[in-house]
Amino acid sequence: MRILISGLCGHMGQAVASLCENGYRGAHAVCGVDLHPENAAIPCVRQFADLDTLPDVPEIDCIVDFSHHTVVRDLLSYATRRRIPTVIATTGHTPVEKDEIATAAR
């Protein structure tokens, strides 16, 4: 499974990347989104809108999000447009953001 990690350079993003690097259940981290992409070991951009600028990134099978709740609108927009299943593990969402997540899940 080819995974995009949102919040790649944070503690949990790095934990997911490490699992992928070690071959956990065939997962492969192919790219990430993070405010500090210069710290990434794999292709990474600052925002979802910049993902199309990455060269040679394979298709994404799943997004795993360990970023910040304020990223959720861009994340959901990207994921729903491309119909990519998404695991949102970020906390602290506002009631409006929770409604947006529920709408996107449908």
C-alpha atoms as a PDB file:
ATOM      1  CA  MET A   1       0.000   0.000   0.000  1.00  0.00           C
ATOM      2  CA  ARG A   2       1.361   3.407  -1.015  1.00  0.00           C
ATOM      3  CA  ILE A   3       0.843   5.938   1.771  1.00  0.00           C
ATOM      4  CA  LEU A   4       0.940   9.722   1.896  1.00  0.00           C
ATOM      5  CA  ILE A   5       1.729  10.893   5.441  1.00  0.00           C
ATOM      6  CA  SER A   6       0.255  14.234   6.457  1.00  0.00           C
ATOM      7  CA  GLY A   7       2.384  15.611   9.275  1.00  0.00           C
ATOM      8  CA  LEU A   8       5.333  13.546   8.071  1.00  0.00           C
ATOM      9  CA  CYS A   9       8.030  15.312  10.104  1.00  0.00           C
ATOM     10  CA  GLY A  10       6.213  15.213  13.439  1.00  0.00           C
ATOM     11  CA  HIS A  11       6.680  12.468  16.021  1.00  0.00           C
ATOM     12  CA  MET A  12       3.772  10.319  14.895  1.00  0.00           C
ATOM     13  CA  GLY A  13       4.405  10.951  11.201  1.00  0.00           C
ATOM     14  CA  GLN A  14       7.968   9.749  11.696  1.00  0.00           C
ATOM     15  CA  ALA A  15       6.678   6.671  13.542  1.00  0.00           C
ATOM     16  CA  VAL A  16       4.405   5.796  10.614  1.00  0.00           C
ATOM     17  CA  ALA A  17       7.257   6.436   8.158  1.00  0.00           C
ATOM     18  CA  SER A  18       9.515   4.151  10.186  1.00  0.00           C
ATOM     19  CA  LEU A  19       6.936   1.369  10.150  1.00  0.00           C
ATOM     20  CA  CYS A  20       6.643   1.736   6.388  1.00  0.00           C
ATOM     21  CA  GLU A  21      10.423   1.758   5.963  1.00  0.00           C
ATOM     22  CA  ASN A  22      10.604  -1.512   7.881  1.00  0.00           C
ATOM     23  CA  GLY A  23       8.008  -3.109   5.594  1.00  0.00           C
ATOM     24  CA  TYR A  24       5.071  -3.216   7.970  1.00  0.00           C
ATOM     25  CA  ARG A  25       2.332  -5.159   6.180  1.00  0.00           C
ATOM     26  CA  GLY A  26       3.630  -4.102   2.785  1.00  0.00           C
ATOM     27  CA  ALA A  27       3.129  -0.387   3.473  1.00  0.00           C
ATOM     28  CA  HIS A  28       5.350   2.062   1.628  1.00  0.00           C
ATOM     29  CA  ALA A  29       5.470   5.786   2.470  1.00  0.00           C
ATOM     30  CA  VAL A  30       5.727   7.508  -0.916  1.00  0.00           C
ATOM     31  CA  CYS A  31       5.417  11.180   0.058  1.00  0.00           C
ATOM     32  CA  GLY A  32       4.318  13.579   2.723  1.00  0.00           C
ATOM     33  CA  VAL A  33       2.883  16.962   3.563  1.00  0.00           C
ATOM     34  CA  ASP A  34       4.468  18.935   6.393  1.00  0.00           C
ATOM     35  CA  LEU A  35       5.264  22.541   7.276  1.00  0.00           C
ATOM     36  CA  HIS A  36       8.949  21.579   7.426  1.00  0.00           C
ATOM     37  CA  PRO A  37       9.531  19.449   4.312  1.00  0.00           C
ATOM     38  CA  GLU A  38      13.262  20.115   4.437  1.00  0.00           C
ATOM     39  CA  ASN A  39      13.449  17.613   7.341  1.00  0.00           C
ATOM     40  CA  ALA A  40      11.848  14.778   5.375  1.00  0.00           C
ATOM     41  CA  ALA A  41      13.605  11.646   4.181  1.00  0.00           C
ATOM     42  CA  ILE A  42      11.043  11.116   1.403  1.00  0.00           C
ATOM     43  CA  PRO A  43       9.488  13.588  -1.075  1.00  0.00           C
ATOM     44  CA  CYS A  44       7.520  16.140   0.933  1.00  0.00           C
ATOM     45  CA  VAL A  45       5.736  19.451   0.317  1.00  0.00           C
ATOM     46  CA  ARG A  46       4.314  22.142   2.604  1.00  0.00           C
ATOM     47  CA  GLN A  47       0.686  21.873   1.470  1.00  0.00           C
ATOM     48  CA  PHE A  48      -1.604  19.542  -0.427  1.00  0.00           C
ATOM     49  CA  ALA A  49      -1.844  21.970  -3.346  1.00  0.00           C
ATOM     50  CA  ASP A  50       1.883  21.422  -3.973  1.00  0.00           C
ATOM     51  CA  LEU A  51       1.702  17.633  -4.285  1.00  0.00           C
ATOM     52  CA  ASP A  52       1.315  17.868  -8.053  1.00  0.00           C
ATOM     53  CA  THR A  53       4.766  19.493  -8.214  1.00  0.00           C
ATOM     54  CA  LEU A  54       6.511  16.373  -6.915  1.00  0.00           C
ATOM     55  CA  PRO A  55       8.237  14.408  -9.683  1.00  0.00           C
ATOM     56  CA  ASP A  56       7.756  10.660 -10.028  1.00  0.00           C
ATOM     57  CA  VAL A  57       5.410  10.129  -7.077  1.00  0.00           C
ATOM     58  CA  PRO A  58       3.349   6.981  -7.621  1.00  0.00           C
ATOM     59  CA  GLU A  59      -0.369   6.878  -7.055  1.00  0.00           C
ATOM     60  CA  ILE A  60      -1.464   7.040  -3.439  1.00  0.00           C
ATOM     61  CA  ASP A  61      -3.600   4.278  -1.933  1.00  0.00           C
ATOM     62  CA  CYS A  62      -4.170   5.874   1.474  1.00  0.00           C
ATOM     63  CA  ILE A  63      -3.517   9.047   3.456  1.00  0.00           C
ATOM     64  CA  VAL A  64      -2.537   8.852   7.116  1.00  0.00           C
ATOM     65  CA  ASP A  65      -2.949  12.175   8.920  1.00  0.00           C
ATOM     66  CA  PHE A  66      -1.000  13.102  12.046  1.00  0.00           C
ATOM     67  CA  SER A  67      -0.805  16.823  11.352  1.00  0.00           C
ATOM     68  CA  HIS A  68      -2.808  19.661  12.909  1.00  0.00           C
ATOM     69  CA  HIS A  69      -6.576  20.017  12.931  1.00  0.00           C
ATOM     70  CA  THR A  70      -6.409  23.217  10.856  1.00  0.00           C
ATOM     71  CA  VAL A  71      -5.116  21.203   7.876  1.00  0.00           C
ATOM     72  CA  VAL A  72      -8.307  19.157   7.634  1.00  0.00           C
ATOM     73  CA  ARG A  73     -10.062  21.233   4.933  1.00  0.00           C
ATOM     74  CA  ASP A  74      -7.162  20.978   2.492  1.00  0.00           C
ATOM     75  CA  LEU A  75      -6.673  17.321   3.369  1.00  0.00           C
ATOM     76  CA  LEU A  76     -10.331  16.472   2.793  1.00  0.00           C
ATOM     77  CA  SER A  77     -10.458  18.457  -0.423  1.00  0.00           C
ATOM     78  CA  TYR A  78      -7.444  16.586  -1.807  1.00  0.00           C
ATOM     79  CA  ALA A  79      -8.647  13.183  -0.609  1.00  0.00           C
ATOM     80  CA  THR A  80     -12.251  13.492  -1.791  1.00  0.00           C
ATOM     81  CA  ARG A  81     -11.311  14.868  -5.224  1.00  0.00           C
ATOM     82  CA  ARG A  82      -9.048  11.868  -5.762  1.00  0.00           C
ATOM     83  CA  ARG A  83     -11.205   9.390  -3.813  1.00  0.00           C
ATOM     84  CA  ILE A  84      -8.309   8.372  -1.567  1.00  0.00           C
ATOM     85  CA  PRO A  85      -9.217   6.587   1.683  1.00  0.00           C
ATOM     86  CA  THR A  86      -7.951   8.604   4.638  1.00  0.00           C
ATOM     87  CA  VAL A  87      -7.152   7.845   8.270  1.00  0.00           C
ATOM     88  CA  ILE A  88      -7.434  11.013  10.353  1.00  0.00           C
ATOM     89  CA  ALA A  89      -5.537  10.508  13.598  1.00  0.00           C
ATOM     90  CA  THR A  90      -5.179  14.196  14.397  1.00  0.00           C
ATOM     91  CA  THR A  91      -7.070  15.463  17.434  1.00  0.00           C
ATOM     92  CA  GLY A  92      -8.541  18.787  18.508  1.00  0.00           C
ATOM     93  CA  HIS A  93     -11.011  19.251  15.649  1.00  0.00           C
ATOM     94  CA  THR A  94     -13.701  21.885  16.054  1.00  0.00           C
ATOM     95  CA  PRO A  95     -17.359  20.861  15.708  1.00  0.00           C
ATOM     96  CA  VAL A  96     -17.383  22.375  12.197  1.00  0.00           C
ATOM     97  CA  GLU A  97     -14.291  20.373  11.221  1.00  0.00           C
ATOM     98  CA  LYS A  98     -15.862  17.200  12.635  1.00  0.00           C
ATOM     99  CA  ASP A  99     -18.937  17.823  10.459  1.00  0.00           C
ATOM    100  CA  GLU A 100     -16.696  18.297   7.424  1.00  0.00           C
ATOM    101  CA  ILE A 101     -14.960  15.004   8.181  1.00  0.00           C
ATOM    102  CA  ALA A 102     -18.304  13.218   8.510  1.00  0.00           C
ATOM    103  CA  THR A 103     -19.527  14.718   5.233  1.00  0.00           C
ATOM    104  CA  ALA A 104     -16.362  13.660   3.416  1.00  0.00           C
ATOM    105  CA  ALA A 105     -16.645  10.148   4.852  1.00  0.00           C
ATOM    106  CA  ARG A 106     -20.057   9.729   3.284  1.00  0.00           C
END
